[in-house]
Amino acid sequence: MNDLLLAEGKTKRIYAHPADPALAIIEHKDTISAGDGARRHVIAGKAALSGRTTANVFVLLGNAGIATHYVAAETAERMVVQRCHMIPLEVVTRRIATGSYLRRFPATAEGTRFEPPIIEFFLKDDARHDPLLTPAEIVSQQVATAAEVAHMAAEAQRVFVVLEAAWAAQDVTLCDLKIEFGRDSHDTLIVADVIDNDSWRIWPGGDKRNMLDKQIYRNLAHVTADDLDAVRRRYALVADLTDHWREGL
């Protein structure tokens, strides 16, 4: 492959587009990781599954009128996107209390429903374990402006509501969702990066025991080949379920 590599993360590579400098190519990897990258494994075929899910999500959001960087799927593993300057924040929307939220607020009962959803911002910094930032801290550290923080919060809630409804139609509860934003060539903030099975917690039938997302990998005490195959099968099911979101479009 002769593409110019722009950046590489734990689960994806980003290349310059060969013909258009305003575009880029995101290529998913078969890698899965947890604990700020301390645990890593390779699951054959994960890249294609994550790519399918991400493309399905972005098509759904685009049809709901939400601006994203998605242009087209080149292959199952590779998608063409608008080239963006990424904001180093993970924007997390929480509907159901679970996971790290309970560790920070142990008095909260698991399963507590937030109405409206809670929006939180985490600085992307593995060395500092992605610290939680307040809107005021984001502005004071010059990560984003106050107007951009407000825009990201509003758009994150819009994204969540669209995906929550799509999952609810399949009797799946969307508990929380992590997304990212980038500034496009016009300095407009749009939803960017990827949204795949590593980005959310989803519980079929609202039952945590049926979880289909990356948390099943995080929860493993020891990782065996059978465990990784079980994770792969869940990622495949999620890709299949999100394929249905494009029916009739």
C-alpha atoms as a PDB file:
ATOM      1  CA  MET A   1       0.000   0.000   0.000  1.00  0.00           C
ATOM      2  CA  ASN A   2       1.463   3.396  -1.032  1.00  0.00           C
ATOM      3  CA  ASP A   3      -0.968   5.632   0.867  1.00  0.00           C
ATOM      4  CA  LEU A   4       0.611   8.371   2.979  1.00  0.00           C
ATOM      5  CA  LEU A   5       0.050   7.496   6.641  1.00  0.00           C
ATOM      6  CA  LEU A   6      -1.090  10.554   8.590  1.00  0.00           C
ATOM      7  CA  ALA A   7      -1.709   8.964  11.986  1.00  0.00           C
ATOM      8  CA  GLU A   8      -2.153   5.595  13.646  1.00  0.00           C
ATOM      9  CA  GLY A   9      -4.081   4.717  16.781  1.00  0.00           C
ATOM     10  CA  LYS A  10      -4.802   1.525  18.679  1.00  0.00           C
ATOM     11  CA  THR A  11      -7.646   0.482  16.383  1.00  0.00           C
ATOM     12  CA  LYS A  12      -7.262   2.496  13.159  1.00  0.00           C
ATOM     13  CA  ARG A  13      -4.915   4.104  10.660  1.00  0.00           C
ATOM     14  CA  ILE A  14      -5.548   7.397   8.882  1.00  0.00           C
ATOM     15  CA  TYR A  15      -4.181   7.998   5.393  1.00  0.00           C
ATOM     16  CA  ALA A  16      -4.101  10.995   3.093  1.00  0.00           C
ATOM     17  CA  HIS A  17      -6.537  10.641   0.224  1.00  0.00           C
ATOM     18  CA  PRO A  18      -4.578   9.958  -2.985  1.00  0.00           C
ATOM     19  CA  ALA A  19      -6.530  12.463  -5.094  1.00  0.00           C
ATOM     20  CA  ASP A  20      -8.171  15.052  -2.833  1.00  0.00           C
ATOM     21  CA  PRO A  21      -6.305  16.875  -0.026  1.00  0.00           C
ATOM     22  CA  ALA A  22      -9.630  17.780   1.596  1.00  0.00           C
ATOM     23  CA  LEU A  23     -10.319  14.094   2.224  1.00  0.00           C
ATOM     24  CA  ALA A  24      -8.718  11.295   4.211  1.00  0.00           C
ATOM     25  CA  ILE A  25      -9.104   7.531   4.513  1.00  0.00           C
ATOM     26  CA  ILE A  26      -9.738   5.775   7.810  1.00  0.00           C
ATOM     27  CA  GLU A  27      -8.719   2.127   7.888  1.00  0.00           C
ATOM     28  CA  HIS A  28      -9.922  -0.037  10.755  1.00  0.00           C
ATOM     29  CA  LYS A  29      -7.531  -2.549  12.342  1.00  0.00           C
ATOM     30  CA  ASP A  30      -8.213  -6.007  13.755  1.00  0.00           C
ATOM     31  CA  THR A  31      -6.860  -4.839  17.123  1.00  0.00           C
ATOM     32  CA  ILE A  32      -8.935  -4.614  20.295  1.00  0.00           C
ATOM     33  CA  SER A  33      -7.588  -2.961  23.434  1.00  0.00           C
ATOM     34  CA  ALA A  34      -8.542  -1.998  26.962  1.00  0.00           C
ATOM     35  CA  GLY A  35      -7.024  -0.288  29.977  1.00  0.00           C
ATOM     36  CA  ASP A  36      -5.521   2.620  27.996  1.00  0.00           C
ATOM     37  CA  GLY A  37      -3.915   0.072  25.682  1.00  0.00           C
ATOM     38  CA  ALA A  38      -2.408  -2.076  28.458  1.00  0.00           C
ATOM     39  CA  ARG A  39      -4.344  -5.089  27.136  1.00  0.00           C
ATOM     40  CA  ARG A  40      -4.296  -5.719  23.382  1.00  0.00           C
ATOM     41  CA  HIS A  41      -5.334  -8.587  21.160  1.00  0.00           C
ATOM     42  CA  VAL A  42      -6.011  -9.189  17.499  1.00  0.00           C
ATOM     43  CA  ILE A  43      -9.391 -10.505  16.371  1.00  0.00           C
ATOM     44  CA  ALA A  44      -9.321 -11.567  12.739  1.00  0.00           C
ATOM     45  CA  GLY A  45     -12.091  -9.824  10.828  1.00  0.00           C
ATOM     46  CA  LYS A  46     -12.796  -7.168  13.464  1.00  0.00           C
ATOM     47  CA  ALA A  47     -11.721  -4.385  11.091  1.00  0.00           C
ATOM     48  CA  ALA A  48     -14.407  -5.247   8.560  1.00  0.00           C
ATOM     49  CA  LEU A  49     -17.057  -5.591  11.285  1.00  0.00           C
ATOM     50  CA  SER A  50     -16.136  -2.248  12.867  1.00  0.00           C
ATOM     51  CA  GLY A  51     -16.082  -0.636   9.431  1.00  0.00           C
ATOM     52  CA  ARG A  52     -19.553  -1.906   8.584  1.00  0.00           C
ATOM     53  CA  THR A  53     -20.957  -0.720  11.898  1.00  0.00           C
ATOM     54  CA  THR A  54     -19.334   2.710  11.599  1.00  0.00           C
ATOM     55  CA  ALA A  55     -20.587   3.222   8.038  1.00  0.00           C
ATOM     56  CA  ASN A  56     -24.092   2.189   9.077  1.00  0.00           C
ATOM     57  CA  VAL A  57     -24.022   4.629  12.004  1.00  0.00           C
ATOM     58  CA  PHE A  58     -22.805   7.566   9.918  1.00  0.00           C
ATOM     59  CA  VAL A  59     -25.345   6.927   7.163  1.00  0.00           C
ATOM     60  CA  LEU A  60     -28.096   6.866   9.805  1.00  0.00           C
ATOM     61  CA  LEU A  61     -26.861  10.120  11.350  1.00  0.00           C
ATOM     62  CA  GLY A  62     -26.525  11.799   7.967  1.00  0.00           C
ATOM     63  CA  ASN A  63     -30.091  10.920   7.092  1.00  0.00           C
ATOM     64  CA  ALA A  64     -31.164  12.440  10.414  1.00  0.00           C
ATOM     65  CA  GLY A  65     -29.553  15.742   9.386  1.00  0.00           C
ATOM     66  CA  ILE A  66     -26.495  15.457  11.645  1.00  0.00           C
ATOM     67  CA  ALA A  67     -23.251  16.716  10.119  1.00  0.00           C
ATOM     68  CA  THR A  68     -20.449  14.132  10.117  1.00  0.00           C
ATOM     69  CA  HIS A  69     -17.154  13.671   8.299  1.00  0.00           C
ATOM     70  CA  TYR A  70     -18.340  10.493   6.541  1.00  0.00           C
ATOM     71  CA  VAL A  71     -18.232  10.499   2.741  1.00  0.00           C
ATOM     72  CA  ALA A  72     -18.355   6.869   1.599  1.00  0.00           C
ATOM     73  CA  ALA A  73     -17.242   3.334   2.404  1.00  0.00           C
ATOM     74  CA  GLU A  74     -14.377   2.385   0.105  1.00  0.00           C
ATOM     75  CA  THR A  75     -14.327  -1.187   1.455  1.00  0.00           C
ATOM     76  CA  ALA A  76     -15.654  -2.783   4.633  1.00  0.00           C
ATOM     77  CA  GLU A  77     -12.381  -1.849   6.380  1.00  0.00           C
ATOM     78  CA  ARG A  78     -11.787   1.571   4.790  1.00  0.00           C
ATOM     79  CA  MET A  79     -13.940   4.686   4.579  1.00  0.00           C
ATOM     80  CA  VAL A  80     -13.430   8.056   2.923  1.00  0.00           C
ATOM     81  CA  VAL A  81     -13.980  11.044   5.203  1.00  0.00           C
ATOM     82  CA  GLN A  82     -13.577  14.787   5.241  1.00  0.00           C
ATOM     83  CA  ARG A  83     -10.168  15.650   6.609  1.00  0.00           C
ATOM     84  CA  CYS A  84     -10.563  17.247  10.032  1.00  0.00           C
ATOM     85  CA  HIS A  85      -8.522  18.769  12.801  1.00  0.00           C
ATOM     86  CA  MET A  86      -9.653  16.607  15.701  1.00  0.00           C
ATOM     87  CA  ILE A  87     -10.663  18.033  19.082  1.00  0.00           C
ATOM     88  CA  PRO A  88      -8.816  15.936  21.722  1.00  0.00           C
ATOM     89  CA  LEU A  89     -11.986  15.171  23.655  1.00  0.00           C
ATOM     90  CA  GLU A  90     -14.225  12.153  24.078  1.00  0.00           C
ATOM     91  CA  VAL A  91     -17.805  13.303  24.526  1.00  0.00           C
ATOM     92  CA  VAL A  92     -19.793  10.744  26.505  1.00  0.00           C
ATOM     93  CA  THR A  93     -23.577  10.725  26.715  1.00  0.00           C
ATOM     94  CA  ARG A  94     -25.076   8.613  29.505  1.00  0.00           C
ATOM     95  CA  ARG A  95     -28.671   7.426  29.723  1.00  0.00           C
ATOM     96  CA  ILE A  96     -28.148   4.490  32.106  1.00  0.00           C
ATOM     97  CA  ALA A  97     -25.829   4.556  35.129  1.00  0.00           C
ATOM     98  CA  THR A  98     -23.224   1.836  34.746  1.00  0.00           C
ATOM     99  CA  GLY A  99     -19.481   1.323  34.309  1.00  0.00           C
ATOM    100  CA  SER A 100     -17.064   4.078  35.276  1.00  0.00           C
ATOM    101  CA  TYR A 101     -19.885   6.393  36.328  1.00  0.00           C
ATOM    102  CA  LEU A 102     -20.657   4.070  39.240  1.00  0.00           C
ATOM    103  CA  ARG A 103     -17.013   4.043  40.301  1.00  0.00           C
ATOM    104  CA  ARG A 104     -17.101   7.825  40.517  1.00  0.00           C
ATOM    105  CA  PHE A 105     -20.550   7.939  42.119  1.00  0.00           C
ATOM    106  CA  PRO A 106     -20.907   4.673  44.103  1.00  0.00           C
ATOM    107  CA  ALA A 107     -24.095   5.855  45.802  1.00  0.00           C
ATOM    108  CA  THR A 108     -25.868   5.761  42.430  1.00  0.00           C
ATOM    109  CA  ALA A 109     -27.771   2.524  41.778  1.00  0.00           C
ATOM    110  CA  GLU A 110     -26.772   0.693  38.608  1.00  0.00           C
ATOM    111  CA  GLY A 111     -29.492   1.036  36.026  1.00  0.00           C
ATOM    112  CA  THR A 112     -30.541   4.523  37.163  1.00  0.00           C
ATOM    113  CA  ARG A 113     -31.981   6.323  34.153  1.00  0.00           C
ATOM    114  CA  PHE A 114     -30.889   9.892  33.440  1.00  0.00           C
ATOM    115  CA  GLU A 115     -33.508  12.186  31.948  1.00  0.00           C
ATOM    116  CA  PRO A 116     -32.212  14.076  30.055  1.00  0.00           C
ATOM    117  CA  PRO A 117     -28.997  12.152  29.369  1.00  0.00           C
ATOM    118  CA  ILE A 118     -25.824  13.321  31.103  1.00  0.00           C
ATOM    119  CA  ILE A 119     -23.057  14.767  28.902  1.00  0.00           C
ATOM    120  CA  GLU A 120     -19.424  14.452  30.038  1.00  0.00           C
ATOM    121  CA  PHE A 121     -16.111  15.474  28.440  1.00  0.00           C
ATOM    122  CA  PHE A 122     -12.870  13.512  28.789  1.00  0.00           C
ATOM    123  CA  LEU A 123      -9.489  14.725  27.580  1.00  0.00           C
ATOM    124  CA  LYS A 124      -7.840  12.190  25.266  1.00  0.00           C
ATOM    125  CA  ASP A 125      -4.634  11.475  27.180  1.00  0.00           C
ATOM    126  CA  ASP A 126      -3.770   7.835  27.941  1.00  0.00           C
ATOM    127  CA  ALA A 127      -0.902   8.857  30.221  1.00  0.00           C
ATOM    128  CA  ARG A 128      -3.397  10.684  32.465  1.00  0.00           C
ATOM    129  CA  HIS A 129      -6.130   8.049  32.001  1.00  0.00           C
ATOM    130  CA  ASP A 130      -8.366  10.412  30.002  1.00  0.00           C
ATOM    131  CA  PRO A 131      -9.306  12.861  32.803  1.00  0.00           C
ATOM    132  CA  LEU A 132     -12.807  14.290  33.099  1.00  0.00           C
ATOM    133  CA  LEU A 133     -12.913  17.997  32.278  1.00  0.00           C
ATOM    134  CA  THR A 134     -15.582  20.556  33.074  1.00  0.00           C
ATOM    135  CA  PRO A 135     -16.660  22.952  30.322  1.00  0.00           C
ATOM    136  CA  ALA A 136     -14.798  25.727  32.133  1.00  0.00           C
ATOM    137  CA  GLU A 137     -11.602  23.639  32.197  1.00  0.00           C
ATOM    138  CA  ILE A 138     -11.928  22.874  28.492  1.00  0.00           C
ATOM    139  CA  VAL A 139     -12.110  26.591  27.744  1.00  0.00           C
ATOM    140  CA  SER A 140      -9.337  27.585  30.188  1.00  0.00           C
ATOM    141  CA  GLN A 141      -7.007  24.933  28.724  1.00  0.00           C
ATOM    142  CA  GLN A 142      -7.840  26.213  25.216  1.00  0.00           C
ATOM    143  CA  VAL A 143      -9.020  22.813  24.024  1.00  0.00           C
ATOM    144  CA  ALA A 144     -12.212  24.373  22.624  1.00  0.00           C
ATOM    145  CA  THR A 145     -14.212  27.575  22.940  1.00  0.00           C
ATOM    146  CA  ALA A 146     -17.301  27.932  25.114  1.00  0.00           C
ATOM    147  CA  ALA A 147     -19.457  28.033  21.973  1.00  0.00           C
ATOM    148  CA  GLU A 148     -17.834  24.839  20.700  1.00  0.00           C
ATOM    149  CA  VAL A 149     -18.391  23.088  24.036  1.00  0.00           C
ATOM    150  CA  ALA A 150     -22.071  24.012  23.927  1.00  0.00           C
ATOM    151  CA  HIS A 151     -22.315  22.830  20.318  1.00  0.00           C
ATOM    152  CA  MET A 152     -20.640  19.483  21.089  1.00  0.00           C
ATOM    153  CA  ALA A 153     -22.969  18.899  24.038  1.00  0.00           C
ATOM    154  CA  ALA A 154     -26.064  19.626  21.954  1.00  0.00           C
ATOM    155  CA  GLU A 155     -24.906  17.530  18.996  1.00  0.00           C
ATOM    156  CA  ALA A 156     -23.872  14.639  21.259  1.00  0.00           C
ATOM    157  CA  GLN A 157     -27.378  14.545  22.659  1.00  0.00           C
ATOM    158  CA  ARG A 158     -28.866  14.616  19.134  1.00  0.00           C
ATOM    159  CA  VAL A 159     -26.603  11.732  18.074  1.00  0.00           C
ATOM    160  CA  PHE A 160     -27.555   9.754  21.147  1.00  0.00           C
ATOM    161  CA  VAL A 161     -31.287  10.217  20.628  1.00  0.00           C
ATOM    162  CA  VAL A 162     -31.060   9.035  17.003  1.00  0.00           C
ATOM    163  CA  LEU A 163     -29.047   5.932  17.904  1.00  0.00           C
ATOM    164  CA  GLU A 164     -31.137   5.238  20.994  1.00  0.00           C
ATOM    165  CA  ALA A 165     -34.286   5.130  18.860  1.00  0.00           C
ATOM    166  CA  ALA A 166     -32.642   2.904  16.241  1.00  0.00           C
ATOM    167  CA  TRP A 167     -31.520   0.434  18.916  1.00  0.00           C
ATOM    168  CA  ALA A 168     -34.854   0.568  20.757  1.00  0.00           C
ATOM    169  CA  ALA A 169     -36.607  -0.514  17.550  1.00  0.00           C
ATOM    170  CA  GLN A 170     -34.575  -3.745  17.865  1.00  0.00           C
ATOM    171  CA  ASP A 171     -35.262  -4.091  21.622  1.00  0.00           C
ATOM    172  CA  VAL A 172     -31.716  -3.043  22.509  1.00  0.00           C
ATOM    173  CA  THR A 173     -31.001  -0.461  25.232  1.00  0.00           C
ATOM    174  CA  LEU A 174     -28.307   2.083  24.460  1.00  0.00           C
ATOM    175  CA  CYS A 175     -26.798   2.840  27.870  1.00  0.00           C
ATOM    176  CA  ASP A 176     -24.087   5.290  26.906  1.00  0.00           C
ATOM    177  CA  LEU A 177     -22.165   6.510  23.882  1.00  0.00           C
ATOM    178  CA  LYS A 178     -18.716   7.982  23.229  1.00  0.00           C
ATOM    179  CA  ILE A 179     -18.149  10.203  20.190  1.00  0.00           C
ATOM    180  CA  GLU A 180     -15.563  12.705  18.965  1.00  0.00           C
ATOM    181  CA  PHE A 181     -15.622  15.923  16.975  1.00  0.00           C
ATOM    182  CA  GLY A 182     -13.339  17.588  14.461  1.00  0.00           C
ATOM    183  CA  ARG A 183     -13.111  20.960  12.742  1.00  0.00           C
ATOM    184  CA  ASP A 184     -13.563  20.664   8.986  1.00  0.00           C
ATOM    185  CA  SER A 185     -11.889  22.858   6.354  1.00  0.00           C
ATOM    186  CA  HIS A 186     -14.357  25.659   7.209  1.00  0.00           C
ATOM    187  CA  ASP A 187     -13.638  25.355  10.971  1.00  0.00           C
ATOM    188  CA  THR A 188     -17.110  23.914  11.473  1.00  0.00           C
ATOM    189  CA  LEU A 189     -17.426  21.287  14.188  1.00  0.00           C
ATOM    190  CA  ILE A 190     -18.732  17.964  12.892  1.00  0.00           C
ATOM    191  CA  VAL A 191     -19.015  14.446  14.307  1.00  0.00           C
ATOM    192  CA  ALA A 192     -15.832  12.609  13.311  1.00  0.00           C
ATOM    193  CA  ASP A 193     -13.565   9.619  14.012  1.00  0.00           C
ATOM    194  CA  VAL A 194     -15.458   6.289  14.247  1.00  0.00           C
ATOM    195  CA  ILE A 195     -18.581   5.074  16.028  1.00  0.00           C
ATOM    196  CA  ASP A 196     -18.509   1.311  16.321  1.00  0.00           C
ATOM    197  CA  ASN A 197     -18.969  -1.446  18.883  1.00  0.00           C
ATOM    198  CA  ASP A 198     -16.140   0.024  20.984  1.00  0.00           C
ATOM    199  CA  SER A 199     -18.085   3.292  21.316  1.00  0.00           C
ATOM    200  CA  TRP A 200     -21.152   2.311  23.337  1.00  0.00           C
ATOM    201  CA  ARG A 201     -22.729   0.001  25.866  1.00  0.00           C
ATOM    202  CA  ILE A 202     -25.715  -1.868  24.431  1.00  0.00           C
ATOM    203  CA  TRP A 203     -27.898  -4.318  26.360  1.00  0.00           C
ATOM    204  CA  PRO A 204     -30.428  -6.408  24.391  1.00  0.00           C
ATOM    205  CA  GLY A 205     -33.699  -6.467  26.259  1.00  0.00           C
ATOM    206  CA  GLY A 206     -32.223  -3.967  28.714  1.00  0.00           C
ATOM    207  CA  ASP A 207     -30.354  -6.846  30.405  1.00  0.00           C
ATOM    208  CA  LYS A 208     -26.683  -6.229  31.214  1.00  0.00           C
ATOM    209  CA  ARG A 209     -26.033  -9.992  31.103  1.00  0.00           C
ATOM    210  CA  ASN A 210     -26.739  -9.867  27.351  1.00  0.00           C
ATOM    211  CA  MET A 211     -24.244  -7.075  26.573  1.00  0.00           C
ATOM    212  CA  LEU A 212     -22.904  -7.050  23.015  1.00  0.00           C
ATOM    213  CA  ASP A 213     -20.275  -4.321  23.254  1.00  0.00           C
ATOM    214  CA  LYS A 214     -16.580  -4.036  24.103  1.00  0.00           C
ATOM    215  CA  GLN A 215     -17.274  -4.315  27.832  1.00  0.00           C
ATOM    216  CA  ILE A 216     -17.338  -8.104  27.459  1.00  0.00           C
ATOM    217  CA  TYR A 217     -13.660  -7.902  26.486  1.00  0.00           C
ATOM    218  CA  ARG A 218     -12.803  -5.492  29.313  1.00  0.00           C
ATOM    219  CA  ASN A 219     -14.413  -7.860  31.830  1.00  0.00           C
ATOM    220  CA  LEU A 220     -12.287 -10.892  30.906  1.00  0.00           C
ATOM    221  CA  ALA A 221      -9.925 -11.967  33.699  1.00  0.00           C
ATOM    222  CA  HIS A 222      -7.865 -14.104  31.309  1.00  0.00           C
ATOM    223  CA  VAL A 223      -8.216 -13.960  27.551  1.00  0.00           C
ATOM    224  CA  THR A 224      -8.388 -17.224  25.604  1.00  0.00           C
ATOM    225  CA  ALA A 225      -8.886 -17.925  21.916  1.00  0.00           C
ATOM    226  CA  ASP A 226     -12.447 -18.984  22.695  1.00  0.00           C
ATOM    227  CA  ASP A 227     -13.043 -15.685  24.507  1.00  0.00           C
ATOM    228  CA  LEU A 228     -11.829 -13.715  21.505  1.00  0.00           C
ATOM    229  CA  ASP A 229     -14.065 -15.727  19.197  1.00  0.00           C
ATOM    230  CA  ALA A 230     -17.022 -14.975  21.473  1.00  0.00           C
ATOM    231  CA  VAL A 231     -16.180 -11.268  21.232  1.00  0.00           C
ATOM    232  CA  ARG A 232     -15.917 -11.537  17.435  1.00  0.00           C
ATOM    233  CA  ARG A 233     -19.334 -13.192  17.196  1.00  0.00           C
ATOM    234  CA  ARG A 234     -20.909 -10.348  19.159  1.00  0.00           C
ATOM    235  CA  TYR A 235     -19.247  -7.755  16.946  1.00  0.00           C
ATOM    236  CA  ALA A 236     -20.572  -9.633  13.921  1.00  0.00           C
ATOM    237  CA  LEU A 237     -24.089  -9.598  15.374  1.00  0.00           C
ATOM    238  CA  VAL A 238     -23.877  -5.849  15.982  1.00  0.00           C
ATOM    239  CA  ALA A 239     -22.741  -5.268  12.393  1.00  0.00           C
ATOM    240  CA  ASP A 240     -25.668  -7.387  11.166  1.00  0.00           C
ATOM    241  CA  LEU A 241     -28.144  -5.482  13.355  1.00  0.00           C
ATOM    242  CA  THR A 242     -26.906  -2.083  12.181  1.00  0.00           C
ATOM    243  CA  ASP A 243     -27.113  -3.228   8.547  1.00  0.00           C
ATOM    244  CA  HIS A 244     -30.890  -3.103   9.021  1.00  0.00           C
ATOM    245  CA  TRP A 245     -30.701   0.646   9.695  1.00  0.00           C
ATOM    246  CA  ARG A 246     -29.960   1.215   6.009  1.00  0.00           C
ATOM    247  CA  GLU A 247     -32.962  -0.727   4.736  1.00  0.00           C
ATOM    248  CA  GLY A 248     -35.292   1.482   2.739  1.00  0.00           C
ATOM    249  CA  LEU A 249     -32.771   4.321   2.486  1.00  0.00           C
END
